[in-house]
PDB file of N, CA and C in Angstrom:
ATOM      1  N   MET A   1     305.276 100.262 238.314  1.00  0.00           N
ATOM      2  CA  MET A   1     304.048  99.572 238.629  1.00  0.00           C
ATOM      3  C   MET A   1     303.402  99.117 237.323  1.00  0.00           C
ATOM      4  N   ASN A   2     302.903  97.935 237.354  1.00  0.00           N
ATOM      5  CA  ASN A   2     302.255  97.380 236.184  1.00  0.00           C
ATOM      6  C   ASN A   2     300.918  98.097 235.957  1.00  0.00           C
ATOM      7  N   ILE A   3     300.622  98.400 234.708  1.00  0.00           N
ATOM      8  CA  ILE A   3     299.394  99.136 234.375  1.00  0.00           C
ATOM      9  C   ILE A   3     298.147  98.341 234.742  1.00  0.00           C
ATOM     10  N   TRP A   4     298.201  97.025 234.639  1.00  0.00           N
ATOM     11  CA  TRP A   4     297.030  96.197 234.942  1.00  0.00           C
ATOM     12  C   TRP A   4     296.725  96.167 236.443  1.00  0.00           C
ATOM     13  N   ILE A   5     297.768  96.234 237.255  1.00  0.00           N
ATOM     14  CA  ILE A   5     297.561  96.283 238.700  1.00  0.00           C
ATOM     15  C   ILE A   5     296.919  97.618 239.086  1.00  0.00           C
ATOM     16  N   ALA A   6     297.392  98.696 238.481  1.00  0.00           N
ATOM     17  CA  ALA A   6     296.808 100.010 238.743  1.00  0.00           C
ATOM     18  C   ALA A   6     295.360 100.058 238.267  1.00  0.00           C
ATOM     19  N   PHE A   7     295.095  99.472 237.120  1.00  0.00           N
ATOM     20  CA  PHE A   7     293.740  99.435 236.580  1.00  0.00           C
ATOM     21  C   PHE A   7     292.807  98.661 237.510  1.00  0.00           C
ATOM     22  N   ALA A   8     293.222  97.471 237.940  1.00  0.00           N
ATOM     23  CA  ALA A   8     292.402  96.650 238.840  1.00  0.00           C
ATOM     24  C   ALA A   8     292.222  97.357 240.183  1.00  0.00           C
ATOM     25  N   GLY A   9     293.286  97.983 240.689  1.00  0.00           N
ATOM     26  CA  GLY A   9     293.171  98.723 241.947  1.00  0.00           C
ATOM     27  C   GLY A   9     292.205  99.890 241.829  1.00  0.00           C
ATOM     28  N   GLY A  10     292.221 100.576 240.706  1.00  0.00           N
ATOM     29  CA  GLY A  10     291.289 101.679 240.472  1.00  0.00           C
ATOM     30  C   GLY A  10     289.848 101.216 240.424  1.00  0.00           C
ATOM     31  N   ILE A  11     289.637 100.070 239.777  1.00  0.00           N
ATOM     32  CA  ILE A  11     288.279  99.515 239.717  1.00  0.00           C
ATOM     33  C   ILE A  11     287.793  99.148 241.115  1.00  0.00           C
ATOM     34  N   ILE A  12     288.656  98.490 241.885  1.00  0.00           N
ATOM     35  CA  ILE A  12     288.274  98.084 243.243  1.00  0.00           C
ATOM     36  C   ILE A  12     288.040  99.316 244.118  1.00  0.00           C
ATOM     37  N   LEU A  13     288.926 100.302 244.041  1.00  0.00           N
ATOM     38  CA  LEU A  13     288.767 101.522 244.834  1.00  0.00           C
ATOM     39  C   LEU A  13     287.491 102.266 244.443  1.00  0.00           C
ATOM     40  N   GLY A  14     287.200 102.364 243.176  1.00  0.00           N
ATOM     41  CA  GLY A  14     285.976 103.020 242.711  1.00  0.00           C
ATOM     42  C   GLY A  14     284.735 102.298 243.188  1.00  0.00           C
ATOM     43  N   TRP A  15     284.783 100.969 243.168  1.00  0.00           N
ATOM     44  CA  TRP A  15     283.647 100.178 243.639  1.00  0.00           C
ATOM     45  C   TRP A  15     283.414 100.392 245.131  1.00  0.00           C
ATOM     46  N   VAL A  16     284.482 100.415 245.908  1.00  0.00           N
ATOM     47  CA  VAL A  16     284.355 100.629 247.355  1.00  0.00           C
ATOM     48  C   VAL A  16     283.787 102.018 247.644  1.00  0.00           C
ATOM     49  N   ILE A  17     284.259 103.033 246.950  1.00  0.00           N
ATOM     50  CA  ILE A  17     283.742 104.388 247.155  1.00  0.00           C
ATOM     51  C   ILE A  17     282.265 104.453 246.794  1.00  0.00           C
ATOM     52  N   GLU A  18     281.883 103.850 245.684  1.00  0.00           N
ATOM     53  CA  GLU A  18     280.476 103.837 245.283  1.00  0.00           C
ATOM     54  C   GLU A  18     279.634 103.098 246.302  1.00  0.00           C
ATOM     55  N   TRP A  19     280.136 102.017 246.856  1.00  0.00           N
ATOM     56  CA  TRP A  19     279.425 101.234 247.853  1.00  0.00           C
ATOM     57  C   TRP A  19     279.190 102.060 249.118  1.00  0.00           C
ATOM     58  N   VAL A  20     280.202 102.809 249.552  1.00  0.00           N
ATOM     59  CA  VAL A  20     280.072 103.666 250.736  1.00  0.00           C
ATOM     60  C   VAL A  20     279.037 104.761 250.470  1.00  0.00           C
ATOM     61  N   ILE A  21     279.095 105.395 249.315  1.00  0.00           N
ATOM     62  CA  ILE A  21     278.111 106.427 248.961  1.00  0.00           C
ATOM     63  C   ILE A  21     276.716 105.827 248.931  1.00  0.00           C
ATOM     64  N   ASP A  22     276.594 104.633 248.384  1.00  0.00           N
ATOM     65  CA  ASP A  22     275.296 103.960 248.325  1.00  0.00           C
ATOM     66  C   ASP A  22     274.713 103.776 249.719  1.00  0.00           C
ATOM     67  N   TRP A  23     275.489 103.279 250.642  1.00  0.00           N
ATOM     68  CA  TRP A  23     274.998 103.023 251.995  1.00  0.00           C
ATOM     69  C   TRP A  23     274.732 104.316 252.757  1.00  0.00           C
ATOM     70  N   LEU A  24     275.569 105.336 252.590  1.00  0.00           N
ATOM     71  CA  LEU A  24     275.406 106.562 253.354  1.00  0.00           C
ATOM     72  C   LEU A  24     274.348 107.500 252.784  1.00  0.00           C
ATOM     73  N   TYR A  25     274.183 107.512 251.483  1.00  0.00           N
ATOM     74  CA  TYR A  25     273.280 108.478 250.875  1.00  0.00           C
ATOM     75  C   TYR A  25     271.976 107.850 250.388  1.00  0.00           C
ATOM     76  N   TRP A  26     272.064 106.863 249.542  1.00  0.00           N
ATOM     77  CA  TRP A  26     270.872 106.333 248.885  1.00  0.00           C
ATOM     78  C   TRP A  26     270.032 105.446 249.790  1.00  0.00           C
ATOM     79  N   ARG A  27     270.631 104.721 250.706  1.00  0.00           N
ATOM     80  CA  ARG A  27     269.878 103.771 251.531  1.00  0.00           C
ATOM     81  C   ARG A  27     269.557 104.293 252.920  1.00  0.00           C
ATOM     82  N   ARG A  28     269.738 105.568 253.147  1.00  0.00           N
ATOM     83  CA  ARG A  28     269.518 106.088 254.493  1.00  0.00           C
ATOM     84  C   ARG A  28     268.042 106.090 254.877  1.00  0.00           C
ATOM     85  N   GLY A  29     267.125 106.153 253.941  1.00  0.00           N
ATOM     86  CA  GLY A  29     265.701 106.182 254.252  1.00  0.00           C
ATOM     87  C   GLY A  29     264.993 104.868 254.011  1.00  0.00           C
ATOM     88  N   ILE A  30     265.746 103.799 253.897  1.00  0.00           N
ATOM     89  CA  ILE A  30     265.131 102.528 253.539  1.00  0.00           C
ATOM     90  C   ILE A  30     264.272 101.966 254.674  1.00  0.00           C
ATOM     91  N   GLU A  31     264.604 102.288 255.941  1.00  0.00           N
ATOM     92  CA  GLU A  31     263.796 101.810 257.051  1.00  0.00           C
ATOM     93  C   GLU A  31     262.393 102.411 256.981  1.00  0.00           C
ATOM     94  N   GLY A  32     262.323 103.680 256.628  1.00  0.00           N
ATOM     95  CA  GLY A  32     261.024 104.332 256.482  1.00  0.00           C
ATOM     96  C   GLY A  32     260.217 103.723 255.350  1.00  0.00           C
ATOM     97  N   PHE A  33     260.890 103.346 254.286  1.00  0.00           N
ATOM     98  CA  PHE A  33     260.205 102.702 253.172  1.00  0.00           C
ATOM     99  C   PHE A  33     259.586 101.389 253.606  1.00  0.00           C
ATOM    100  N   TYR A  34     260.346 100.569 254.338  1.00  0.00           N
ATOM    101  CA  TYR A  34     259.821  99.284 254.784  1.00  0.00           C
ATOM    102  C   TYR A  34     258.687  99.457 255.787  1.00  0.00           C
ATOM    103  N   ALA A  35     258.757 100.488 256.631  1.00  0.00           N
ATOM    104  CA  ALA A  35     257.676 100.752 257.585  1.00  0.00           C
ATOM    105  C   ALA A  35     256.408 101.148 256.825  1.00  0.00           C
ATOM    106  N   THR A  36     256.563 102.001 255.822  1.00  0.00           N
ATOM    107  CA  THR A  36     255.414 102.412 255.019  1.00  0.00           C
ATOM    108  C   THR A  36     254.818 101.231 254.273  1.00  0.00           C
ATOM    109  N   GLU A  37     255.666 100.386 253.730  1.00  0.00           N
ATOM    110  CA  GLU A  37     255.178  99.204 253.016  1.00  0.00           C
ATOM    111  C   GLU A  37     254.400  98.289 253.952  1.00  0.00           C
ATOM    112  N   SER A  38     254.877  98.111 255.165  1.00  0.00           N
ATOM    113  CA  SER A  38     254.205  97.265 256.142  1.00  0.00           C
ATOM    114  C   SER A  38     252.832  97.836 256.495  1.00  0.00           C
ATOM    115  N   GLU A  39     252.766  99.147 256.691  1.00  0.00           N
ATOM    116  CA  GLU A  39     251.488  99.786 256.994  1.00  0.00           C
ATOM    117  C   GLU A  39     250.510  99.621 255.835  1.00  0.00           C
ATOM    118  N   LEU A  40     250.991  99.801 254.623  1.00  0.00           N
ATOM    119  CA  LEU A  40     250.124  99.675 253.454  1.00  0.00           C
ATOM    120  C   LEU A  40     249.623  98.245 253.284  1.00  0.00           C
ATOM    121  N   ARG A  41     250.474  97.273 253.569  1.00  0.00           N
ATOM    122  CA  ARG A  41     250.040  95.880 253.465  1.00  0.00           C
ATOM    123  C   ARG A  41     248.955  95.560 254.492  1.00  0.00           C
ATOM    124  N   SER A  42     249.078  96.077 255.702  1.00  0.00           N
ATOM    125  CA  SER A  42     248.050  95.824 256.711  1.00  0.00           C
ATOM    126  C   SER A  42     246.747  96.529 256.336  1.00  0.00           C
ATOM    127  N   GLU A  43     246.834  97.763 255.801  1.00  0.00           N
ATOM    128  CA  GLU A  43     245.630  98.455 255.349  1.00  0.00           C
ATOM    129  C   GLU A  43     244.968  97.723 254.185  1.00  0.00           C
ATOM    130  N   LEU A  44     245.779  97.162 253.285  1.00  0.00           N
ATOM    131  CA  LEU A  44     245.237  96.395 252.170  1.00  0.00           C
ATOM    132  C   LEU A  44     244.503  95.163 252.669  1.00  0.00           C
ATOM    133  N   GLN A  45     245.062  94.488 253.663  1.00  0.00           N
ATOM    134  CA  GLN A  45     244.418  93.303 254.218  1.00  0.00           C
ATOM    135  C   GLN A  45     243.076  93.664 254.859  1.00  0.00           C
ATOM    136  N   ILE A  46     243.025  94.775 255.581  1.00  0.00           N
ATOM    137  CA  ILE A  46     241.771  95.226 256.189  1.00  0.00           C
ATOM    138  C   ILE A  46     240.745  95.563 255.110  1.00  0.00           C
ATOM    139  N   ALA A  47     241.180  96.244 254.063  1.00  0.00           N
ATOM    140  CA  ALA A  47     240.277  96.605 252.970  1.00  0.00           C
ATOM    141  C   ALA A  47     239.744  95.368 252.259  1.00  0.00           C
ATOM    142  N   GLN A  48     240.576  94.350 252.088  1.00  0.00           N
ATOM    143  CA  GLN A  48     240.117  93.122 251.447  1.00  0.00           C
ATOM    144  C   GLN A  48     239.103  92.395 252.325  1.00  0.00           C
ATOM    145  N   GLN A  49     239.301  92.413 253.636  1.00  0.00           N
ATOM    146  CA  GLN A  49     238.330  91.803 254.537  1.00  0.00           C
ATOM    147  C   GLN A  49     237.000  92.548 254.479  1.00  0.00           C
ATOM    148  N   GLN A  50     237.053  93.870 254.454  1.00  0.00           N
ATOM    149  CA  GLN A  50     235.829  94.671 254.359  1.00  0.00           C
ATOM    150  C   GLN A  50     235.127  94.426 253.035  1.00  0.00           C
ATOM    151  N   GLN A  51     235.888  94.248 251.977  1.00  0.00           N
ATOM    152  CA  GLN A  51     235.301  93.977 250.673  1.00  0.00           C
ATOM    153  C   GLN A  51     234.587  92.636 250.688  1.00  0.00           C
ATOM    154  N   ALA A  52     235.187  91.635 251.306  1.00  0.00           N
ATOM    155  CA  ALA A  52     234.554  90.316 251.381  1.00  0.00           C
ATOM    156  C   ALA A  52     233.272  90.381 252.208  1.00  0.00           C
ATOM    157  N   GLU A  53     233.304  91.123 253.303  1.00  0.00           N
ATOM    158  CA  GLU A  53     232.104  91.274 254.124  1.00  0.00           C
ATOM    159  C   GLU A  53     231.005  92.002 253.356  1.00  0.00           C
ATOM    160  N   SER A  54     231.366  93.033 252.620  1.00  0.00           N
ATOM    161  CA  SER A  54     230.390  93.782 251.827  1.00  0.00           C
ATOM    162  C   SER A  54     229.802  92.910 250.718  1.00  0.00           C
ATOM    163  N   ALA A  55     230.642  92.100 250.102  1.00  0.00           N
ATOM    164  CA  ALA A  55     230.160  91.208 249.045  1.00  0.00           C
ATOM    165  C   ALA A  55     229.175  90.195 249.621  1.00  0.00           C
ATOM    166  N   ALA A  56     229.449  89.674 250.813  1.00  0.00           N
ATOM    167  CA  ALA A  56     228.542  88.722 251.451  1.00  0.00           C
ATOM    168  C   ALA A  56     227.217  89.404 251.800  1.00  0.00           C
ATOM    169  N   ALA A  57     227.286  90.614 252.319  1.00  0.00           N
ATOM    170  CA  ALA A  57     226.069  91.350 252.653  1.00  0.00           C
ATOM    171  C   ALA A  57     225.259  91.655 251.397  1.00  0.00           C
ATOM    172  N   LEU A  58     225.939  92.051 250.325  1.00  0.00           N
ATOM    173  CA  LEU A  58     225.263  92.330 249.063  1.00  0.00           C
ATOM    174  C   LEU A  58     224.576  91.087 248.527  1.00  0.00           C
ATOM    175  N   SER A  59     225.243  89.963 248.624  1.00  0.00           N
ATOM    176  CA  SER A  59     224.654  88.706 248.155  1.00  0.00           C
ATOM    177  C   SER A  59     223.389  88.381 248.943  1.00  0.00           C
ATOM    178  N   GLY A  60     223.437  88.585 250.252  1.00  0.00           N
ATOM    179  CA  GLY A  60     222.256  88.343 251.077  1.00  0.00           C
ATOM    180  C   GLY A  60     221.115  89.275 250.719  1.00  0.00           C
ATOM    181  N   LEU A  61     221.403  90.542 250.489  1.00  0.00           N
ATOM    182  CA  LEU A  61     220.369  91.504 250.109  1.00  0.00           C
ATOM    183  C   LEU A  61     219.771  91.185 248.738  1.00  0.00           C
ATOM    184  N   GLN A  62     220.614  90.732 247.814  1.00  0.00           N
ATOM    185  CA  GLN A  62     220.103  90.356 246.500  1.00  0.00           C
ATOM    186  C   GLN A  62     219.174  89.149 246.604  1.00  0.00           C
ATOM    187  N   GLY A  63     219.500  88.210 247.480  1.00  0.00           N
ATOM    188  CA  GLY A  63     218.632  87.055 247.705  1.00  0.00           C
ATOM    189  C   GLY A  63     217.293  87.480 248.279  1.00  0.00           C
ATOM    190  N   GLU A  64     217.310  88.400 249.241  1.00  0.00           N
ATOM    191  CA  GLU A  64     216.058  88.903 249.813  1.00  0.00           C
ATOM    192  C   GLU A  64     215.240  89.639 248.760  1.00  0.00           C
ATOM    193  N   LEU A  65     215.892  90.407 247.907  1.00  0.00           N
ATOM    194  CA  LEU A  65     215.197  91.134 246.855  1.00  0.00           C
ATOM    195  C   LEU A  65     214.525  90.169 245.887  1.00  0.00           C
ATOM    196  N   GLN A  66     215.209  89.105 245.524  1.00  0.00           N
ATOM    197  CA  GLN A  66     214.616  88.112 244.624  1.00  0.00           C
ATOM    198  C   GLN A  66     213.407  87.441 245.268  1.00  0.00           C
ATOM    199  N   LYS A  67     213.489  87.134 246.570  1.00  0.00           N
ATOM    200  CA  LYS A  67     212.343  86.538 247.273  1.00  0.00           C
ATOM    201  C   LYS A  67     211.171  87.507 247.290  1.00  0.00           C
ATOM    202  N   THR A  68     211.434  88.778 247.507  1.00  0.00           N
ATOM    203  CA  THR A  68     210.377  89.787 247.533  1.00  0.00           C
ATOM    204  C   THR A  68     209.739  89.911 246.158  1.00  0.00           C
ATOM    205  N   GLN A  69     210.532  89.867 245.106  1.00  0.00           N
ATOM    206  CA  GLN A  69     209.997  89.971 243.756  1.00  0.00           C
ATOM    207  C   GLN A  69     209.157  88.757 243.405  1.00  0.00           C
ATOM    208  N   VAL A  70     209.546  87.567 243.894  1.00  0.00           N
ATOM    209  CA  VAL A  70     208.782  86.351 243.607  1.00  0.00           C
ATOM    210  C   VAL A  70     207.459  86.414 244.331  1.00  0.00           C
ATOM    211  N   ILE A  71     207.451  86.916 245.563  1.00  0.00           N
ATOM    212  CA  ILE A  71     206.220  87.008 246.337  1.00  0.00           C
ATOM    213  C   ILE A  71     205.266  88.009 245.678  1.00  0.00           C
ATOM    214  N   ARG A  72     205.776  89.150 245.215  1.00  0.00           N
ATOM    215  CA  ARG A  72     204.919  90.163 244.581  1.00  0.00           C
ATOM    216  C   ARG A  72     204.355  89.674 243.261  1.00  0.00           C
ATOM    217  N   SER A  73     205.162  88.935 242.506  1.00  0.00           N
ATOM    218  CA  SER A  73     204.684  88.497 241.189  1.00  0.00           C
ATOM    219  C   SER A  73     203.819  87.242 241.316  1.00  0.00           C
ATOM    220  N   GLY A  74     203.925  86.513 242.398  1.00  0.00           N
ATOM    221  CA  GLY A  74     203.204  85.255 242.598  1.00  0.00           C
ATOM    222  C   GLY A  74     201.854  85.431 243.093  1.00  0.00           C
TER     223      GLY A  74
END
């Protein structure tokens, strides 16, 4: 047998074994990761909406405070 054929076959066989180990061991919990990521993205979107609402409310309160200060000083 030619040494180069054995070498190439060993590389291919090693790659296939590593690929099987990767799918069976390392990627077995990937569905849970994607579910967690999806939940976190939805929570982030809700938090950003609440932040925008709070910023709008704060802006309105600051406007009222300025009007009150103008009335008191006037």
